[in-house]
């Protein structure tokens, strides 16, 4: 059975559903500042093992994602 967590896309704030069995990496990126203003806010990148696209940029922190993943481990 597939198991998914619901994350929020950084760009348009729409939901992204990621299969927990395919998560390959999770890391944070600092805000991108150009010409004295924030071009891209701080965010988390969640990469999947099934595609080499660099990962999904989401607003949840790694800690929040790990808490979601813990629920699947406990089941």
N, C-alpha and C. Protein backbone atom coordinates (compact mmCIF):
# COMPACT_ATOMS: atom_id res chain seq x y z
N UNK A 1 0.84 -1.18 0.00
CA UNK A 1 0.00 0.00 0.00
C UNK A 1 0.88 1.24 0.00
N UNK A 2 0.50 2.22 -0.81
CA UNK A 2 1.24 3.48 -0.87
C UNK A 2 0.89 4.35 0.32
N UNK A 3 1.89 5.03 0.82
CA UNK A 3 1.68 5.92 1.97
C UNK A 3 2.21 7.30 1.61
N UNK A 4 1.39 8.30 1.77
CA UNK A 4 1.74 9.64 1.35
C UNK A 4 1.65 10.62 2.51
N UNK A 5 2.50 11.67 2.44
CA UNK A 5 2.37 12.80 3.34
C UNK A 5 2.00 14.00 2.48
N UNK A 6 1.26 14.90 3.06
CA UNK A 6 0.83 16.12 2.36
C UNK A 6 1.76 17.26 2.75
N UNK A 7 2.43 17.84 1.76
CA UNK A 7 3.31 18.98 1.96
C UNK A 7 2.77 20.16 1.17
N UNK A 8 3.34 21.35 1.38
CA UNK A 8 2.85 22.56 0.72
C UNK A 8 3.93 23.13 -0.19
N UNK A 9 3.60 23.26 -1.47
CA UNK A 9 4.51 23.79 -2.47
C UNK A 9 4.87 25.24 -2.13
N UNK A 10 6.15 25.57 -2.16
CA UNK A 10 6.62 26.92 -1.84
C UNK A 10 6.09 27.95 -2.83
N UNK A 11 6.07 27.61 -4.11
CA UNK A 11 5.75 28.58 -5.15
C UNK A 11 4.29 29.03 -5.13
N UNK A 12 3.36 28.07 -5.12
CA UNK A 12 1.94 28.44 -5.23
C UNK A 12 1.10 28.01 -4.04
N UNK A 13 1.74 27.50 -3.01
CA UNK A 13 1.07 27.08 -1.76
C UNK A 13 0.03 25.97 -1.99
N UNK A 14 0.16 25.23 -3.08
CA UNK A 14 -0.73 24.11 -3.37
C UNK A 14 -0.17 22.84 -2.71
N UNK A 15 -1.04 21.87 -2.42
CA UNK A 15 -0.56 20.64 -1.78
C UNK A 15 0.25 19.77 -2.74
N UNK A 16 1.24 19.10 -2.17
CA UNK A 16 2.04 18.09 -2.87
C UNK A 16 1.96 16.84 -2.01
N UNK A 17 1.67 15.71 -2.62
CA UNK A 17 1.60 14.44 -1.90
C UNK A 17 2.82 13.61 -2.27
N UNK A 18 3.63 13.29 -1.26
CA UNK A 18 4.89 12.58 -1.48
C UNK A 18 4.81 11.19 -0.85
N UNK A 19 5.18 10.18 -1.62
CA UNK A 19 5.22 8.82 -1.12
C UNK A 19 6.37 8.70 -0.12
N UNK A 20 6.07 8.32 1.11
CA UNK A 20 7.09 8.26 2.15
C UNK A 20 8.17 7.22 1.86
N UNK A 21 7.84 6.22 1.06
CA UNK A 21 8.81 5.18 0.73
C UNK A 21 9.83 5.64 -0.30
N UNK A 22 9.60 6.78 -0.94
CA UNK A 22 10.48 7.26 -2.00
C UNK A 22 11.29 8.50 -1.63
N UNK A 23 11.21 8.96 -0.39
CA UNK A 23 11.96 10.15 0.00
C UNK A 23 13.44 9.78 0.12
N UNK A 24 14.27 10.52 -0.61
CA UNK A 24 15.70 10.26 -0.61
C UNK A 24 16.50 11.25 0.21
N UNK A 25 16.03 12.49 0.27
CA UNK A 25 16.74 13.50 1.07
C UNK A 25 15.80 14.64 1.46
N UNK A 26 16.16 15.30 2.55
CA UNK A 26 15.44 16.46 3.07
C UNK A 26 16.48 17.43 3.59
N UNK A 27 16.42 18.68 3.12
CA UNK A 27 17.35 19.68 3.63
C UNK A 27 16.74 21.07 3.50
N UNK A 28 17.31 22.02 4.23
CA UNK A 28 16.81 23.40 4.19
C UNK A 28 17.71 24.26 3.30
N UNK A 29 17.10 25.27 2.74
CA UNK A 29 17.85 26.27 1.97
C UNK A 29 17.58 27.63 2.59
N UNK A 30 18.62 28.44 2.65
CA UNK A 30 18.50 29.79 3.20
C UNK A 30 17.76 30.68 2.20
N UNK A 31 17.27 31.82 2.67
CA UNK A 31 16.60 32.73 1.74
C UNK A 31 17.57 33.23 0.67
N UNK A 32 17.06 33.44 -0.53
CA UNK A 32 17.87 33.97 -1.62
C UNK A 32 17.63 35.48 -1.67
N UNK A 33 18.71 36.24 -1.46
CA UNK A 33 18.60 37.70 -1.42
C UNK A 33 19.36 38.29 -2.60
N UNK A 34 18.66 39.08 -3.40
CA UNK A 34 19.27 39.77 -4.53
C UNK A 34 18.89 41.23 -4.49
N UNK A 35 19.86 42.09 -4.70
CA UNK A 35 19.65 43.54 -4.72
C UNK A 35 18.97 44.04 -3.45
N UNK A 36 19.33 43.43 -2.31
CA UNK A 36 18.83 43.87 -1.02
C UNK A 36 17.42 43.43 -0.67
N UNK A 37 16.83 42.54 -1.45
CA UNK A 37 15.49 42.06 -1.11
C UNK A 37 15.43 40.53 -1.25
N UNK A 38 14.50 39.96 -0.54
CA UNK A 38 14.34 38.50 -0.55
C UNK A 38 13.65 38.08 -1.84
N UNK A 39 14.36 37.32 -2.66
CA UNK A 39 13.79 36.81 -3.91
C UNK A 39 13.08 35.47 -3.69
N UNK A 40 13.63 34.69 -2.76
CA UNK A 40 13.02 33.39 -2.43
C UNK A 40 13.20 33.18 -0.94
N UNK A 41 12.10 32.93 -0.24
CA UNK A 41 12.16 32.74 1.21
C UNK A 41 12.84 31.42 1.56
N UNK A 42 13.26 31.30 2.81
CA UNK A 42 13.85 30.05 3.29
C UNK A 42 12.82 28.94 3.12
N UNK A 43 13.31 27.74 2.76
CA UNK A 43 12.40 26.62 2.51
C UNK A 43 13.13 25.30 2.68
N UNK A 44 12.36 24.24 2.57
CA UNK A 44 12.89 22.89 2.66
C UNK A 44 12.79 22.23 1.30
N UNK A 45 13.79 21.42 0.96
CA UNK A 45 13.77 20.65 -0.28
C UNK A 45 13.62 19.18 0.09
N UNK A 46 12.63 18.53 -0.53
CA UNK A 46 12.38 17.10 -0.32
C UNK A 46 12.61 16.40 -1.65
N UNK A 47 13.65 15.57 -1.71
CA UNK A 47 13.96 14.84 -2.93
C UNK A 47 13.42 13.43 -2.89
N UNK A 48 13.05 12.94 -4.05
CA UNK A 48 12.55 11.57 -4.14
C UNK A 48 13.51 10.72 -4.96
N UNK A 49 13.54 9.45 -4.65
CA UNK A 49 14.48 8.54 -5.29
C UNK A 49 14.05 8.15 -6.70
N UNK A 50 12.81 8.44 -7.06
CA UNK A 50 12.28 8.02 -8.35
C UNK A 50 12.51 9.04 -9.46
N UNK A 51 13.04 10.22 -9.12
CA UNK A 51 13.21 11.25 -10.14
C UNK A 51 14.38 12.16 -9.75
N UNK A 52 15.16 12.54 -10.73
CA UNK A 52 16.32 13.39 -10.48
C UNK A 52 16.01 14.84 -10.85
N UNK A 53 15.01 15.43 -10.19
CA UNK A 53 14.61 16.80 -10.50
C UNK A 53 15.10 17.81 -9.47
N UNK A 54 15.91 17.40 -8.54
CA UNK A 54 16.41 18.30 -7.51
C UNK A 54 15.54 18.37 -6.28
N UNK A 55 14.33 17.89 -6.37
CA UNK A 55 13.45 17.85 -5.21
C UNK A 55 12.34 18.88 -5.27
N UNK A 56 11.40 18.72 -4.36
CA UNK A 56 10.27 19.63 -4.24
C UNK A 56 10.60 20.69 -3.20
N UNK A 57 10.31 21.94 -3.50
CA UNK A 57 10.52 23.03 -2.57
C UNK A 57 9.23 23.24 -1.80
N UNK A 58 9.29 23.04 -0.49
CA UNK A 58 8.09 23.08 0.35
C UNK A 58 8.29 24.03 1.53
N UNK A 59 7.19 24.43 2.16
CA UNK A 59 7.28 25.38 3.27
C UNK A 59 7.46 24.70 4.63
N UNK A 60 7.16 23.41 4.73
CA UNK A 60 7.32 22.70 6.01
C UNK A 60 8.81 22.57 6.35
N UNK A 61 9.12 22.61 7.63
CA UNK A 61 10.51 22.43 8.07
C UNK A 61 10.86 20.94 8.08
N UNK A 62 12.16 20.63 8.05
CA UNK A 62 12.53 19.21 8.17
C UNK A 62 11.95 18.57 9.42
N UNK A 63 11.94 19.28 10.54
CA UNK A 63 11.40 18.72 11.77
C UNK A 63 9.92 18.35 11.61
N UNK A 64 9.15 19.22 10.98
CA UNK A 64 7.73 18.92 10.75
C UNK A 64 7.57 17.69 9.85
N UNK A 65 8.42 17.58 8.83
CA UNK A 65 8.37 16.43 7.93
C UNK A 65 8.74 15.15 8.66
N UNK A 66 9.77 15.22 9.50
CA UNK A 66 10.18 14.02 10.24
C UNK A 66 9.10 13.57 11.22
N UNK A 67 8.36 14.51 11.80
CA UNK A 67 7.25 14.14 12.68
C UNK A 67 6.18 13.39 11.88
N UNK A 68 5.88 13.87 10.66
CA UNK A 68 4.92 13.18 9.80
C UNK A 68 5.40 11.76 9.48
N UNK A 69 6.70 11.63 9.21
CA UNK A 69 7.26 10.32 8.86
C UNK A 69 7.24 9.37 10.05
N UNK A 70 7.43 9.90 11.26
CA UNK A 70 7.40 9.06 12.47
C UNK A 70 6.06 8.33 12.60
N UNK A 71 4.99 8.95 12.17
CA UNK A 71 3.67 8.33 12.25
C UNK A 71 3.63 7.03 11.46
N UNK A 72 4.32 7.00 10.31
CA UNK A 72 4.34 5.78 9.50
C UNK A 72 5.22 4.70 10.10
N UNK A 73 6.28 5.10 10.78
CA UNK A 73 7.17 4.13 11.41
C UNK A 73 6.46 3.44 12.56
N UNK A 74 5.63 4.18 13.28
CA UNK A 74 4.94 3.63 14.45
C UNK A 74 3.78 2.72 14.08
N UNK A 75 3.34 2.77 12.82
CA UNK A 75 2.20 1.94 12.43
C UNK A 75 2.61 0.51 12.17
